[in-house]
Amino acid sequence: GGIKVVGAIAASPPSLGLPSVGFSDVRA
């Protein structure tokens, strides 16, 4: 009837670990 619902959610486990980035990313 047009009432919006949450809908399907794709599940997956969390990703662990430090982000792989550089110093330029930190500065930006």
mmCIF file of all heavy atoms, coordinates in Angstrom:
data_MODEL
# 
_entry.id   MODEL 
# 
loop_
_atom_site.group_PDB 
_atom_site.id 
_atom_site.type_symbol 
_atom_site.label_atom_id 
_atom_site.label_alt_id 
_atom_site.label_comp_id 
_atom_site.label_asym_id 
_atom_site.label_entity_id 
_atom_site.label_seq_id 
_atom_site.pdbx_PDB_ins_code 
_atom_site.Cartn_x 
_atom_site.Cartn_y 
_atom_site.Cartn_z 
_atom_site.occupancy 
_atom_site.B_iso_or_equiv 
_atom_site.pdbx_formal_charge 
_atom_site.auth_seq_id 
_atom_site.auth_comp_id 
_atom_site.auth_asym_id 
_atom_site.auth_atom_id 
_atom_site.pdbx_PDB_model_num 
ATOM 1   N N   . GLY A 1 1  ? 0.797  -1.218  0.000  1.00 0.00 ? 1  GLY A N   1 
ATOM 2   C CA  . GLY A 1 1  ? 0.000  0.000   0.000  1.00 0.00 ? 1  GLY A CA  1 
ATOM 3   C C   . GLY A 1 1  ? 0.828  1.265   0.000  1.00 0.00 ? 1  GLY A C   1 
ATOM 4   O O   . GLY A 1 1  ? 0.286  2.367   0.172  1.00 0.00 ? 1  GLY A O   1 
ATOM 5   N N   . GLY A 1 2  ? 2.132  1.137   -0.137 1.00 0.00 ? 2  GLY A N   1 
ATOM 6   C CA  . GLY A 1 2  ? 2.998  2.310   -0.224 1.00 0.00 ? 2  GLY A CA  1 
ATOM 7   C C   . GLY A 1 2  ? 3.669  2.708   1.074  1.00 0.00 ? 2  GLY A C   1 
ATOM 8   O O   . GLY A 1 2  ? 4.410  3.695   1.103  1.00 0.00 ? 2  GLY A O   1 
ATOM 9   N N   . ILE A 1 3  ? 3.421  1.976   2.148  1.00 0.00 ? 3  ILE A N   1 
ATOM 10  C CA  . ILE A 1 3  ? 4.093  2.278   3.419  1.00 0.00 ? 3  ILE A CA  1 
ATOM 11  C C   . ILE A 1 3  ? 5.488  1.662   3.378  1.00 0.00 ? 3  ILE A C   1 
ATOM 12  O O   . ILE A 1 3  ? 5.632  0.454   3.179  1.00 0.00 ? 3  ILE A O   1 
ATOM 13  C CB  . ILE A 1 3  ? 3.277  1.738   4.611  1.00 0.00 ? 3  ILE A CB  1 
ATOM 14  C CG1 . ILE A 1 3  ? 1.962  2.500   4.732  1.00 0.00 ? 3  ILE A CG1 1 
ATOM 15  C CG2 . ILE A 1 3  ? 4.077  1.855   5.907  1.00 0.00 ? 3  ILE A CG2 1 
ATOM 16  C CD1 . ILE A 1 3  ? 1.059  2.026   5.846  1.00 0.00 ? 3  ILE A CD1 1 
ATOM 17  N N   . LYS A 1 4  ? 6.488  2.503   3.578  1.00 0.00 ? 4  LYS A N   1 
ATOM 18  C CA  . LYS A 1 4  ? 7.867  2.046   3.448  1.00 0.00 ? 4  LYS A CA  1 
ATOM 19  C C   . LYS A 1 4  ? 8.283  1.242   4.676  1.00 0.00 ? 4  LYS A C   1 
ATOM 20  O O   . LYS A 1 4  ? 7.975  1.612   5.813  1.00 0.00 ? 4  LYS A O   1 
ATOM 21  C CB  . LYS A 1 4  ? 8.805  3.239   3.262  1.00 0.00 ? 4  LYS A CB  1 
ATOM 22  C CG  . LYS A 1 4  ? 8.546  3.993   1.964  1.00 0.00 ? 4  LYS A CG  1 
ATOM 23  C CD  . LYS A 1 4  ? 9.435  5.202   1.845  1.00 0.00 ? 4  LYS A CD  1 
ATOM 24  C CE  . LYS A 1 4  ? 9.117  5.970   0.558  1.00 0.00 ? 4  LYS A CE  1 
ATOM 25  N NZ  . LYS A 1 4  ? 9.930  7.195   0.432  1.00 0.00 ? 4  LYS A NZ  1 
ATOM 26  N N   . VAL A 1 5  ? 8.988  0.154   4.409  1.00 0.00 ? 5  VAL A N   1 
ATOM 27  C CA  . VAL A 1 5  ? 9.475  -0.708  5.490  1.00 0.00 ? 5  VAL A CA  1 
ATOM 28  C C   . VAL A 1 5  ? 10.998 -0.816  5.386  1.00 0.00 ? 5  VAL A C   1 
ATOM 29  O O   . VAL A 1 5  ? 11.600 -0.368  4.409  1.00 0.00 ? 5  VAL A O   1 
ATOM 30  C CB  . VAL A 1 5  ? 8.826  -2.109  5.396  1.00 0.00 ? 5  VAL A CB  1 
ATOM 31  C CG1 . VAL A 1 5  ? 7.331  -2.015  5.633  1.00 0.00 ? 5  VAL A CG1 1 
ATOM 32  C CG2 . VAL A 1 5  ? 9.112  -2.763  4.054  1.00 0.00 ? 5  VAL A CG2 1 
ATOM 33  N N   . VAL A 1 6  ? 11.583 -1.419  6.408  1.00 0.00 ? 6  VAL A N   1 
ATOM 34  C CA  . VAL A 1 6  ? 13.045 -1.530  6.457  1.00 0.00 ? 6  VAL A CA  1 
ATOM 35  C C   . VAL A 1 6  ? 13.583 -2.306  5.263  1.00 0.00 ? 6  VAL A C   1 
ATOM 36  O O   . VAL A 1 6  ? 14.570 -1.931  4.641  1.00 0.00 ? 6  VAL A O   1 
ATOM 37  C CB  . VAL A 1 6  ? 13.479 -2.184  7.789  1.00 0.00 ? 6  VAL A CB  1 
ATOM 38  C CG1 . VAL A 1 6  ? 14.973 -2.504  7.757  1.00 0.00 ? 6  VAL A CG1 1 
ATOM 39  C CG2 . VAL A 1 6  ? 13.162 -1.260  8.949  1.00 0.00 ? 6  VAL A CG2 1 
ATOM 40  N N   . GLY A 1 7  ? 12.963 -3.411  4.915  1.00 0.00 ? 7  GLY A N   1 
ATOM 41  C CA  . GLY A 1 7  ? 13.387 -4.191  3.755  1.00 0.00 ? 7  GLY A CA  1 
ATOM 42  C C   . GLY A 1 7  ? 14.513 -5.155  4.071  1.00 0.00 ? 7  GLY A C   1 
ATOM 43  O O   . GLY A 1 7  ? 14.946 -5.302  5.222  1.00 0.00 ? 7  GLY A O   1 
ATOM 44  N N   . ALA A 1 8  ? 15.005 -5.826  3.040  1.00 0.00 ? 8  ALA A N   1 
ATOM 45  C CA  . ALA A 1 8  ? 16.053 -6.842  3.206  1.00 0.00 ? 8  ALA A CA  1 
ATOM 46  C C   . ALA A 1 8  ? 17.384 -6.200  3.547  1.00 0.00 ? 8  ALA A C   1 
ATOM 47  O O   . ALA A 1 8  ? 17.736 -5.137  3.039  1.00 0.00 ? 8  ALA A O   1 
ATOM 48  C CB  . ALA A 1 8  ? 16.184 -7.667  1.929  1.00 0.00 ? 8  ALA A CB  1 
ATOM 49  N N   . ILE A 1 9  ? 18.144 -6.853  4.429  1.00 0.00 ? 9  ILE A N   1 
ATOM 50  C CA  . ILE A 1 9  ? 19.466 -6.382  4.847  1.00 0.00 ? 9  ILE A CA  1 
ATOM 51  C C   . ILE A 1 9  ? 20.476 -7.488  4.592  1.00 0.00 ? 9  ILE A C   1 
ATOM 52  O O   . ILE A 1 9  ? 20.329 -8.602  5.096  1.00 0.00 ? 9  ILE A O   1 
ATOM 53  C CB  . ILE A 1 9  ? 19.474 -6.018  6.354  1.00 0.00 ? 9  ILE A CB  1 
ATOM 54  C CG1 . ILE A 1 9  ? 18.367 -4.995  6.671  1.00 0.00 ? 9  ILE A CG1 1 
ATOM 55  C CG2 . ILE A 1 9  ? 20.830 -5.492  6.769  1.00 0.00 ? 9  ILE A CG2 1 
ATOM 56  C CD1 . ILE A 1 9  ? 18.144 -4.797  8.145  1.00 0.00 ? 9  ILE A CD1 1 
ATOM 57  N N   . ALA A 1 10 ? 21.499 -7.160  3.818  1.00 0.00 ? 10 ALA A N   1 
ATOM 58  C CA  . ALA A 1 10 ? 22.562 -8.139  3.554  1.00 0.00 ? 10 ALA A CA  1 
ATOM 59  C C   . ALA A 1 10 ? 23.498 -8.199  4.752  1.00 0.00 ? 10 ALA A C   1 
ATOM 60  O O   . ALA A 1 10 ? 24.089 -7.203  5.147  1.00 0.00 ? 10 ALA A O   1 
ATOM 61  C CB  . ALA A 1 10 ? 23.338 -7.750  2.303  1.00 0.00 ? 10 ALA A CB  1 
ATOM 62  N N   . ALA A 1 11 ? 23.614 -9.374  5.382  1.00 0.00 ? 11 ALA A N   1 
ATOM 63  C CA  . ALA A 1 11 ? 24.433 -9.537  6.585  1.00 0.00 ? 11 ALA A CA  1 
ATOM 64  C C   . ALA A 1 11 ? 25.822 -10.041 6.226  1.00 0.00 ? 11 ALA A C   1 
ATOM 65  O O   . ALA A 1 11 ? 26.002 -10.808 5.278  1.00 0.00 ? 11 ALA A O   1 
ATOM 66  C CB  . ALA A 1 11 ? 23.767 -10.498 7.553  1.00 0.00 ? 11 ALA A CB  1 
ATOM 67  N N   . SER A 1 12 ? 26.816 -9.608  7.000  1.00 0.00 ? 12 SER A N   1 
ATOM 68  C CA  . SER A 1 12 ? 28.189 -10.103 6.856  1.00 0.00 ? 12 SER A CA  1 
ATOM 69  C C   . SER A 1 12 ? 28.940 -9.734  8.123  1.00 0.00 ? 12 SER A C   1 
ATOM 70  O O   . SER A 1 12 ? 28.600 -8.757  8.786  1.00 0.00 ? 12 SER A O   1 
ATOM 71  C CB  . SER A 1 12 ? 28.870 -9.487  5.627  1.00 0.00 ? 12 SER A CB  1 
ATOM 72  O OG  . SER A 1 12 ? 28.896 -8.084  5.726  1.00 0.00 ? 12 SER A OG  1 
ATOM 73  N N   . PRO A 1 13 ? 29.973 -10.505 8.492  1.00 0.00 ? 13 PRO A N   1 
ATOM 74  C CA  . PRO A 1 13 ? 30.705 -10.214 9.727  1.00 0.00 ? 13 PRO A CA  1 
ATOM 75  C C   . PRO A 1 13 ? 31.546 -8.945  9.593  1.00 0.00 ? 13 PRO A C   1 
ATOM 76  O O   . PRO A 1 13 ? 31.868 -8.515  8.478  1.00 0.00 ? 13 PRO A O   1 
ATOM 77  C CB  . PRO A 1 13 ? 31.599 -11.450 9.900  1.00 0.00 ? 13 PRO A CB  1 
ATOM 78  C CG  . PRO A 1 13 ? 31.758 -11.987 8.521  1.00 0.00 ? 13 PRO A CG  1 
ATOM 79  C CD  . PRO A 1 13 ? 30.472 -11.705 7.820  1.00 0.00 ? 13 PRO A CD  1 
ATOM 80  N N   . PRO A 1 14 ? 31.927 -8.318  10.717 1.00 0.00 ? 14 PRO A N   1 
ATOM 81  C CA  . PRO A 1 14 ? 32.756 -7.110  10.650 1.00 0.00 ? 14 PRO A CA  1 
ATOM 82  C C   . PRO A 1 14 ? 34.170 -7.429  10.177 1.00 0.00 ? 14 PRO A C   1 
ATOM 83  O O   . PRO A 1 14 ? 34.679 -8.531  10.381 1.00 0.00 ? 14 PRO A O   1 
ATOM 84  C CB  . PRO A 1 14 ? 32.759 -6.611  12.097 1.00 0.00 ? 14 PRO A CB  1 
ATOM 85  C CG  . PRO A 1 14 ? 32.510 -7.831  12.921 1.00 0.00 ? 14 PRO A CG  1 
ATOM 86  C CD  . PRO A 1 14 ? 31.608 -8.703  12.095 1.00 0.00 ? 14 PRO A CD  1 
ATOM 87  N N   . SER A 1 15 ? 34.799 -6.452  9.531  1.00 0.00 ? 15 SER A N   1 
ATOM 88  C CA  . SER A 1 15 ? 36.189 -6.591  9.087  1.00 0.00 ? 15 SER A CA  1 
ATOM 89  C C   . SER A 1 15 ? 37.098 -6.032  10.172 1.00 0.00 ? 15 SER A C   1 
ATOM 90  O O   . SER A 1 15 ? 36.912 -4.902  10.626 1.00 0.00 ? 15 SER A O   1 
ATOM 91  C CB  . SER A 1 15 ? 36.402 -5.838  7.776  1.00 0.00 ? 15 SER A CB  1 
ATOM 92  O OG  . SER A 1 15 ? 35.536 -6.321  6.779  1.00 0.00 ? 15 SER A OG  1 
ATOM 93  N N   . LEU A 1 16 ? 38.071 -6.826  10.602 1.00 0.00 ? 16 LEU A N   1 
ATOM 94  C CA  . LEU A 1 16 ? 38.970 -6.419  11.674 1.00 0.00 ? 16 LEU A CA  1 
ATOM 95  C C   . LEU A 1 16 ? 40.320 -6.009  11.112 1.00 0.00 ? 16 LEU A C   1 
ATOM 96  O O   . LEU A 1 16 ? 40.767 -6.530  10.092 1.00 0.00 ? 16 LEU A O   1 
ATOM 97  C CB  . LEU A 1 16 ? 39.148 -7.560  12.685 1.00 0.00 ? 16 LEU A CB  1 
ATOM 98  C CG  . LEU A 1 16 ? 37.866 -8.120  13.304 1.00 0.00 ? 16 LEU A CG  1 
ATOM 99  C CD1 . LEU A 1 16 ? 38.198 -9.259  14.246 1.00 0.00 ? 16 LEU A CD1 1 
ATOM 100 C CD2 . LEU A 1 16 ? 37.103 -7.027  14.031 1.00 0.00 ? 16 LEU A CD2 1 
ATOM 101 N N   . GLY A 1 17 ? 40.990 -5.075  11.791 1.00 0.00 ? 17 GLY A N   1 
ATOM 102 C CA  . GLY A 1 17 ? 42.329 -4.665  11.386 1.00 0.00 ? 17 GLY A CA  1 
ATOM 103 C C   . GLY A 1 17 ? 42.449 -3.162  11.225 1.00 0.00 ? 17 GLY A C   1 
ATOM 104 O O   . GLY A 1 17 ? 41.451 -2.432  11.183 1.00 0.00 ? 17 GLY A O   1 
ATOM 105 N N   . LEU A 1 18 ? 43.700 -2.701  11.141 1.00 0.00 ? 18 LEU A N   1 
ATOM 106 C CA  . LEU A 1 18 ? 43.975 -1.279  10.971 1.00 0.00 ? 18 LEU A CA  1 
ATOM 107 C C   . LEU A 1 18 ? 43.718 -0.862  9.531  1.00 0.00 ? 18 LEU A C   1 
ATOM 108 O O   . LEU A 1 18 ? 43.968 -1.624  8.600  1.00 0.00 ? 18 LEU A O   1 
ATOM 109 C CB  . LEU A 1 18 ? 45.422 -0.964  11.346 1.00 0.00 ? 18 LEU A CB  1 
ATOM 110 C CG  . LEU A 1 18 ? 45.759 -1.019  12.834 1.00 0.00 ? 18 LEU A CG  1 
ATOM 111 C CD1 . LEU A 1 18 ? 47.263 -0.904  13.025 1.00 0.00 ? 18 LEU A CD1 1 
ATOM 112 C CD2 . LEU A 1 18 ? 45.054 0.103   13.569 1.00 0.00 ? 18 LEU A CD2 1 
ATOM 113 N N   . PRO A 1 19 ? 43.230 0.367   9.314  1.00 0.00 ? 19 PRO A N   1 
ATOM 114 C CA  . PRO A 1 19 ? 43.032 0.834   7.938  1.00 0.00 ? 19 PRO A CA  1 
ATOM 115 C C   . PRO A 1 19 ? 44.371 1.012   7.229  1.00 0.00 ? 19 PRO A C   1 
ATOM 116 O O   . PRO A 1 19 ? 45.342 1.505   7.809  1.00 0.00 ? 19 PRO A O   1 
ATOM 117 C CB  . PRO A 1 19 ? 42.314 2.175   8.124  1.00 0.00 ? 19 PRO A CB  1 
ATOM 118 C CG  . PRO A 1 19 ? 42.641 2.613   9.508  1.00 0.00 ? 19 PRO A CG  1 
ATOM 119 C CD  . PRO A 1 19 ? 42.793 1.353   10.312 1.00 0.00 ? 19 PRO A CD  1 
ATOM 120 N N   . SER A 1 20 ? 44.428 0.596   5.972  1.00 0.00 ? 20 SER A N   1 
ATOM 121 C CA  . SER A 1 20 ? 45.642 0.713   5.176  1.00 0.00 ? 20 SER A CA  1 
ATOM 122 C C   . SER A 1 20 ? 45.611 2.043   4.424  1.00 0.00 ? 20 SER A C   1 
ATOM 123 O O   . SER A 1 20 ? 44.932 2.183   3.400  1.00 0.00 ? 20 SER A O   1 
ATOM 124 C CB  . SER A 1 20 ? 45.748 -0.456  4.190  1.00 0.00 ? 20 SER A CB  1 
ATOM 125 O OG  . SER A 1 20 ? 46.898 -0.324  3.396  1.00 0.00 ? 20 SER A OG  1 
ATOM 126 N N   . VAL A 1 21 ? 46.339 3.036   4.945  1.00 0.00 ? 21 VAL A N   1 
ATOM 127 C CA  . VAL A 1 21 ? 46.321 4.386   4.381  1.00 0.00 ? 21 VAL A CA  1 
ATOM 128 C C   . VAL A 1 21 ? 47.713 4.990   4.465  1.00 0.00 ? 21 VAL A C   1 
ATOM 129 O O   . VAL A 1 21 ? 48.631 4.403   5.052  1.00 0.00 ? 21 VAL A O   1 
ATOM 130 C CB  . VAL A 1 21 ? 45.321 5.285   5.141  1.00 0.00 ? 21 VAL A CB  1 
ATOM 131 C CG1 . VAL A 1 21 ? 43.889 4.857   4.882  1.00 0.00 ? 21 VAL A CG1 1 
ATOM 132 C CG2 . VAL A 1 21 ? 45.604 5.260   6.632  1.00 0.00 ? 21 VAL A CG2 1 
ATOM 133 N N   . GLY A 1 22 ? 47.859 6.179   3.888  1.00 0.00 ? 22 GLY A N   1 
ATOM 134 C CA  . GLY A 1 22 ? 49.142 6.863   3.899  1.00 0.00 ? 22 GLY A CA  1 
ATOM 135 C C   . GLY A 1 22 ? 49.075 8.198   4.621  1.00 0.00 ? 22 GLY A C   1 
ATOM 136 O O   . GLY A 1 22 ? 48.004 8.665   5.023  1.00 0.00 ? 22 GLY A O   1 
ATOM 137 N N   . PHE A 1 23 ? 50.249 8.859   4.751  1.00 0.00 ? 23 PHE A N   1 
ATOM 138 C CA  . PHE A 1 23 ? 50.322 10.131  5.466  1.00 0.00 ? 23 PHE A CA  1 
ATOM 139 C C   . PHE A 1 23 ? 49.515 11.215  4.760  1.00 0.00 ? 23 PHE A C   1 
ATOM 140 O O   . PHE A 1 23 ? 48.940 12.096  5.409  1.00 0.00 ? 23 PHE A O   1 
ATOM 141 C CB  . PHE A 1 23 ? 51.787 10.568  5.591  1.00 0.00 ? 23 PHE A CB  1 
ATOM 142 C CG  . PHE A 1 23 ? 51.945 11.894  6.282  1.00 0.00 ? 23 PHE A CG  1 
ATOM 143 C CD1 . PHE A 1 23 ? 51.765 12.016  7.645  1.00 0.00 ? 23 PHE A CD1 1 
ATOM 144 C CD2 . PHE A 1 23 ? 52.260 13.041  5.550  1.00 0.00 ? 23 PHE A CD2 1 
ATOM 145 C CE1 . PHE A 1 23 ? 51.893 13.238  8.285  1.00 0.00 ? 23 PHE A CE1 1 
ATOM 146 C CE2 . PHE A 1 23 ? 52.398 14.269  6.175  1.00 0.00 ? 23 PHE A CE2 1 
ATOM 147 C CZ  . PHE A 1 23 ? 52.215 14.362  7.544  1.00 0.00 ? 23 PHE A CZ  1 
ATOM 148 N N   . SER A 1 24 ? 49.482 11.160  3.424  1.00 0.00 ? 24 SER A N   1 
ATOM 149 C CA  . SER A 1 24 ? 48.719 12.164  2.689  1.00 0.00 ? 24 SER A CA  1 
ATOM 150 C C   . SER A 1 24 ? 47.234 12.082  3.040  1.00 0.00 ? 24 SER A C   1 
ATOM 151 O O   . SER A 1 24 ? 46.532 13.104  3.063  1.00 0.00 ? 24 SER A O   1 
ATOM 152 C CB  . SER A 1 24 ? 48.917 11.977  1.182  1.00 0.00 ? 24 SER A CB  1 
ATOM 153 O OG  . SER A 1 24 ? 48.487 10.682  0.784  1.00 0.00 ? 24 SER A OG  1 
ATOM 154 N N   . ASP A 1 25 ? 46.754 10.874  3.314  1.00 0.00 ? 25 ASP A N   1 
ATOM 155 C CA  . ASP A 1 25 ? 45.355 10.714  3.723  1.00 0.00 ? 25 ASP A CA  1 
ATOM 156 C C   . ASP A 1 25 ? 45.110 11.354  5.081  1.00 0.00 ? 25 ASP A C   1 
ATOM 157 O O   . ASP A 1 25 ? 44.081 12.005  5.309  1.00 0.00 ? 25 ASP A O   1 
ATOM 158 C CB  . ASP A 1 25 ? 44.987 9.229   3.773  1.00 0.00 ? 25 ASP A CB  1 
ATOM 159 C CG  . ASP A 1 25 ? 45.128 8.549   2.429  1.00 0.00 ? 25 ASP A CG  1 
ATOM 160 O OD1 . ASP A 1 25 ? 44.754 9.163   1.416  1.00 0.00 ? 25 ASP A OD1 1 
ATOM 161 O OD2 . ASP A 1 25 ? 45.627 7.404   2.391  1.00 0.00 ? 25 ASP A OD2 1 
ATOM 162 N N   . VAL A 1 26 ? 46.069 11.170  5.980  1.00 0.00 ? 26 VAL A N   1 
ATOM 163 C CA  . VAL A 1 26 ? 45.956 11.767  7.315  1.00 0.00 ? 26 VAL A CA  1 
ATOM 164 C C   . VAL A 1 26 ? 45.897 13.290  7.196  1.00 0.00 ? 26 VAL A C   1 
ATOM 165 O O   . VAL A 1 26 ? 45.061 13.955  7.830  1.00 0.00 ? 26 VAL A O   1 
ATOM 166 C CB  . VAL A 1 26 ? 47.134 11.343  8.203  1.00 0.00 ? 26 VAL A CB  1 
ATOM 167 C CG1 . VAL A 1 26 ? 47.108 12.088  9.536  1.00 0.00 ? 26 VAL A CG1 1 
ATOM 168 C CG2 . VAL A 1 26 ? 47.098 9.835   8.443  1.00 0.00 ? 26 VAL A CG2 1 
ATOM 169 N N   . ARG A 1 27 ? 46.781 13.837  6.403  1.00 0.00 ? 27 ARG A N   1 
ATOM 170 C CA  . ARG A 1 27 ? 46.827 15.297  6.243  1.00 0.00 ? 27 ARG A CA  1 
ATOM 171 C C   . ARG A 1 27 ? 45.529 15.821  5.625  1.00 0.00 ? 27 ARG A C   1 
ATOM 172 O O   . ARG A 1 27 ? 45.015 16.859  6.034  1.00 0.00 ? 27 ARG A O   1 
ATOM 173 C CB  . ARG A 1 27 ? 48.016 15.672  5.362  1.00 0.00 ? 27 ARG A CB  1 
ATOM 174 C CG  . ARG A 1 27 ? 48.250 17.170  5.230  1.00 0.00 ? 27 ARG A CG  1 
ATOM 175 C CD  . ARG A 1 27 ? 49.546 17.427  4.493  1.00 0.00 ? 27 ARG A CD  1 
ATOM 176 N NE  . ARG A 1 27 ? 49.545 16.753  3.197  1.00 0.00 ? 27 ARG A NE  1 
ATOM 177 C CZ  . ARG A 1 27 ? 50.622 16.621  2.416  1.00 0.00 ? 27 ARG A CZ  1 
ATOM 178 N NH1 . ARG A 1 27 ? 51.784 17.108  2.831  1.00 0.00 ? 27 ARG A NH1 1 
ATOM 179 N NH2 . ARG A 1 27 ? 50.540 16.014  1.259  1.00 0.00 ? 27 ARG A NH2 1 
ATOM 180 N N   . ALA A 1 28 ? 44.983 15.098  4.647  1.00 0.00 ? 28 ALA A N   1 
ATOM 181 C CA  . ALA A 1 28 ? 43.762 15.550  3.978  1.00 0.00 ? 28 ALA A CA  1 
ATOM 182 C C   . ALA A 1 28 ? 42.549 15.499  4.906  1.00 0.00 ? 28 ALA A C   1 
ATOM 183 O O   . ALA A 1 28 ? 41.652 16.344  4.814  1.00 0.00 ? 28 ALA A O   1 
ATOM 184 C CB  . ALA A 1 28 ? 43.511 14.694  2.742  1.00 0.00 ? 28 ALA A CB  1 
# 
